Amino acid sequence: MPSIEIQVLEGVFDAEDKASIITRVTEAFGSVAGDTIARGTSVRILDVQSGAWGYAGNILTTEDALAMRAKG
């Protein structure tokens, strides 16, 4: 069945945030694919070490991601 992988910088989302992301992503996927497929969907959130992520040639840190998140 479907497998969805989400990568985030470590320290940006706590366990409660991650649980909410997993639930909501599964629900959103199910709204398109159907309930039967949603029930077989696997969602994983992988933490990437701060400084080990690049975007547009720039290195991102946990502090950068927290600042982005604070902006909403």
N, C-alpha and C. Protein backbone atom coordinates (compact mmCIF):
# COMPACT_ATOMS: atom_id res chain seq x y z
N MET A 1 0.84 -1.18 0.00
CA MET A 1 0.00 0.00 0.00
C MET A 1 0.89 1.25 0.00
N PRO A 2 0.30 2.41 -0.09
CA PRO A 2 1.08 3.64 -0.20
C PRO A 2 1.99 3.89 1.01
N SER A 3 3.11 4.49 0.72
CA SER A 3 4.06 4.88 1.76
C SER A 3 4.43 6.34 1.52
N ILE A 4 4.24 7.15 2.54
CA ILE A 4 4.52 8.59 2.44
C ILE A 4 5.63 8.90 3.43
N GLU A 5 6.68 9.56 2.95
CA GLU A 5 7.82 9.90 3.79
C GLU A 5 7.96 11.42 3.84
N ILE A 6 8.06 11.95 5.04
CA ILE A 6 8.20 13.39 5.24
C ILE A 6 9.51 13.62 5.98
N GLN A 7 10.34 14.49 5.45
CA GLN A 7 11.60 14.81 6.11
C GLN A 7 11.51 16.22 6.68
N VAL A 8 11.92 16.36 7.94
CA VAL A 8 11.91 17.65 8.63
C VAL A 8 13.23 17.82 9.36
N LEU A 9 13.60 19.05 9.64
CA LEU A 9 14.79 19.28 10.44
C LEU A 9 14.51 18.92 11.89
N GLU A 10 15.49 18.28 12.52
CA GLU A 10 15.34 17.85 13.91
C GLU A 10 15.03 19.05 14.82
N GLY A 11 14.20 18.80 15.82
CA GLY A 11 13.91 19.81 16.82
C GLY A 11 12.86 20.84 16.43
N VAL A 12 12.26 20.70 15.27
CA VAL A 12 11.26 21.68 14.83
C VAL A 12 9.86 21.25 15.24
N PHE A 13 9.59 19.96 15.20
CA PHE A 13 8.27 19.42 15.53
C PHE A 13 8.39 18.45 16.69
N ASP A 14 7.52 18.59 17.69
CA ASP A 14 7.53 17.65 18.81
C ASP A 14 6.65 16.44 18.48
N ALA A 15 6.58 15.50 19.40
CA ALA A 15 5.85 14.25 19.15
C ALA A 15 4.37 14.51 18.85
N GLU A 16 3.77 15.47 19.54
CA GLU A 16 2.36 15.80 19.29
C GLU A 16 2.17 16.37 17.89
N ASP A 17 3.07 17.26 17.47
CA ASP A 17 3.01 17.82 16.11
C ASP A 17 3.12 16.70 15.07
N LYS A 18 4.06 15.79 15.29
CA LYS A 18 4.27 14.70 14.34
C LYS A 18 3.05 13.79 14.25
N ALA A 19 2.43 13.51 15.39
CA ALA A 19 1.22 12.68 15.38
C ALA A 19 0.12 13.37 14.57
N SER A 20 -0.01 14.67 14.74
CA SER A 20 -1.02 15.42 13.99
C SER A 20 -0.71 15.41 12.50
N ILE A 21 0.55 15.58 12.14
CA ILE A 21 0.94 15.54 10.73
C ILE A 21 0.59 14.18 10.13
N ILE A 22 0.96 13.10 10.82
CA ILE A 22 0.68 11.76 10.32
C ILE A 22 -0.82 11.55 10.11
N THR A 23 -1.61 11.94 11.10
CA THR A 23 -3.07 11.78 10.99
C THR A 23 -3.63 12.59 9.83
N ARG A 24 -3.23 13.85 9.74
CA ARG A 24 -3.78 14.72 8.70
C ARG A 24 -3.34 14.34 7.29
N VAL A 25 -2.10 13.92 7.16
CA VAL A 25 -1.62 13.49 5.84
C VAL A 25 -2.37 12.24 5.40
N THR A 26 -2.55 11.31 6.33
CA THR A 26 -3.30 10.09 6.01
C THR A 26 -4.73 10.43 5.60
N GLU A 27 -5.37 11.32 6.34
CA GLU A 27 -6.74 11.73 6.01
C GLU A 27 -6.80 12.42 4.65
N ALA A 28 -5.85 13.31 4.38
CA ALA A 28 -5.84 14.02 3.09
C ALA A 28 -5.64 13.04 1.94
N PHE A 29 -4.71 12.11 2.11
CA PHE A 29 -4.48 11.12 1.06
C PHE A 29 -5.72 10.26 0.86
N GLY A 30 -6.34 9.87 1.95
CA GLY A 30 -7.55 9.06 1.89
C GLY A 30 -8.71 9.77 1.22
N SER A 31 -8.77 11.10 1.36
CA SER A 31 -9.86 11.85 0.73
C SER A 31 -9.77 11.78 -0.79
N VAL A 32 -8.58 11.52 -1.30
CA VAL A 32 -8.39 11.37 -2.74
C VAL A 32 -8.42 9.90 -3.14
N ALA A 33 -7.72 9.06 -2.39
CA ALA A 33 -7.53 7.66 -2.78
C ALA A 33 -8.63 6.73 -2.27
N GLY A 34 -9.37 7.16 -1.26
CA GLY A 34 -10.43 6.32 -0.70
C GLY A 34 -10.04 5.73 0.65
N ASP A 35 -11.06 5.37 1.42
CA ASP A 35 -10.85 4.88 2.78
C ASP A 35 -10.06 3.58 2.84
N THR A 36 -10.32 2.67 1.92
CA THR A 36 -9.62 1.38 1.94
C THR A 36 -8.12 1.58 1.78
N ILE A 37 -7.73 2.42 0.85
CA ILE A 37 -6.31 2.69 0.65
C ILE A 37 -5.74 3.47 1.83
N ALA A 38 -6.50 4.42 2.36
CA ALA A 38 -6.03 5.20 3.51
C ALA A 38 -5.70 4.29 4.69
N ARG A 39 -6.51 3.26 4.90
CA ARG A 39 -6.27 2.35 6.02
C ARG A 39 -4.99 1.55 5.86
N GLY A 40 -4.48 1.46 4.65
CA GLY A 40 -3.22 0.76 4.40
C GLY A 40 -2.05 1.68 4.14
N THR A 41 -2.23 2.97 4.41
CA THR A 41 -1.20 3.95 4.12
C THR A 41 -0.22 4.08 5.29
N SER A 42 1.06 4.08 4.97
CA SER A 42 2.12 4.25 5.96
C SER A 42 2.69 5.65 5.81
N VAL A 43 2.84 6.36 6.93
CA VAL A 43 3.44 7.69 6.93
C VAL A 43 4.60 7.68 7.92
N ARG A 44 5.77 8.12 7.44
CA ARG A 44 6.94 8.20 8.30
C ARG A 44 7.48 9.62 8.28
N ILE A 45 7.87 10.10 9.46
CA ILE A 45 8.51 11.41 9.56
C ILE A 45 9.95 11.17 9.97
N LEU A 46 10.87 11.63 9.14
CA LEU A 46 12.29 11.44 9.39
C LEU A 46 12.93 12.77 9.77
N ASP A 47 13.66 12.78 10.88
CA ASP A 47 14.38 13.98 11.31
C ASP A 47 15.73 14.05 10.62
N VAL A 48 16.03 15.20 10.02
CA VAL A 48 17.31 15.44 9.38
C VAL A 48 18.12 16.34 10.31
N GLN A 49 19.38 16.01 10.49
CA GLN A 49 20.25 16.76 11.38
C GLN A 49 20.34 18.23 10.96
N SER A 50 20.30 19.12 11.93
CA SER A 50 20.46 20.54 11.67
C SER A 50 21.76 20.78 10.91
N GLY A 51 21.67 21.56 9.83
CA GLY A 51 22.85 21.85 9.01
C GLY A 51 23.10 20.84 7.90
N ALA A 52 22.31 19.75 7.88
CA ALA A 52 22.49 18.72 6.85
C ALA A 52 21.45 18.84 5.75
N TRP A 53 20.81 19.98 5.64
CA TRP A 53 19.77 20.21 4.65
C TRP A 53 20.13 21.48 3.90
N GLY A 54 20.06 21.42 2.59
CA GLY A 54 20.32 22.61 1.79
C GLY A 54 19.09 22.99 0.99
N TYR A 55 18.89 24.27 0.80
CA TYR A 55 17.77 24.79 0.02
C TYR A 55 18.28 25.96 -0.79
N ALA A 56 18.17 25.86 -2.10
CA ALA A 56 18.62 26.92 -3.00
C ALA A 56 20.09 27.28 -2.74
N GLY A 57 20.89 26.26 -2.41
CA GLY A 57 22.31 26.46 -2.18
C GLY A 57 22.66 26.97 -0.79
N ASN A 58 21.67 27.13 0.07
CA ASN A 58 21.89 27.62 1.43
C ASN A 58 21.71 26.48 2.42
N ILE A 59 22.50 26.48 3.47
CA ILE A 59 22.39 25.47 4.52
C ILE A 59 21.31 25.91 5.50
N LEU A 60 20.39 24.98 5.82
CA LEU A 60 19.33 25.27 6.77
C LEU A 60 19.64 24.62 8.11
N THR A 61 19.32 25.34 9.17
CA THR A 61 19.49 24.82 10.52
C THR A 61 18.13 24.73 11.20
N THR A 62 18.12 24.08 12.33
CA THR A 62 16.89 24.00 13.12
C THR A 62 16.40 25.40 13.45
N GLU A 63 17.32 26.28 13.79
CA GLU A 63 16.94 27.67 14.13
C GLU A 63 16.26 28.36 12.96
N ASP A 64 16.76 28.12 11.75
CA ASP A 64 16.14 28.70 10.54
C ASP A 64 14.71 28.19 10.39
N ALA A 65 14.53 26.87 10.55
CA ALA A 65 13.20 26.28 10.39
C ALA A 65 12.25 26.75 11.46
N LEU A 66 12.74 26.90 12.69
CA LEU A 66 11.88 27.42 13.77
C LEU A 66 11.46 28.86 13.48
N ALA A 67 12.36 29.64 12.92
CA ALA A 67 12.01 31.04 12.55
C ALA A 67 10.96 31.04 11.45
N MET A 68 11.10 30.15 10.46
CA MET A 68 10.09 30.06 9.39
C MET A 68 8.74 29.65 9.97
N ARG A 69 8.77 28.70 10.87
CA ARG A 69 7.52 28.20 11.48
C ARG A 69 6.86 29.31 12.29
N ALA A 70 7.63 30.14 12.97
CA ALA A 70 7.07 31.22 13.78
C ALA A 70 6.36 32.27 12.93
N LYS A 71 6.79 32.40 11.67
CA LYS A 71 6.14 33.36 10.77
C LYS A 71 4.76 32.90 10.34
N GLY A 72 4.49 31.58 10.51
CA GLY A 72 3.18 31.05 10.15
C GLY A 72 3.10 30.71 8.76
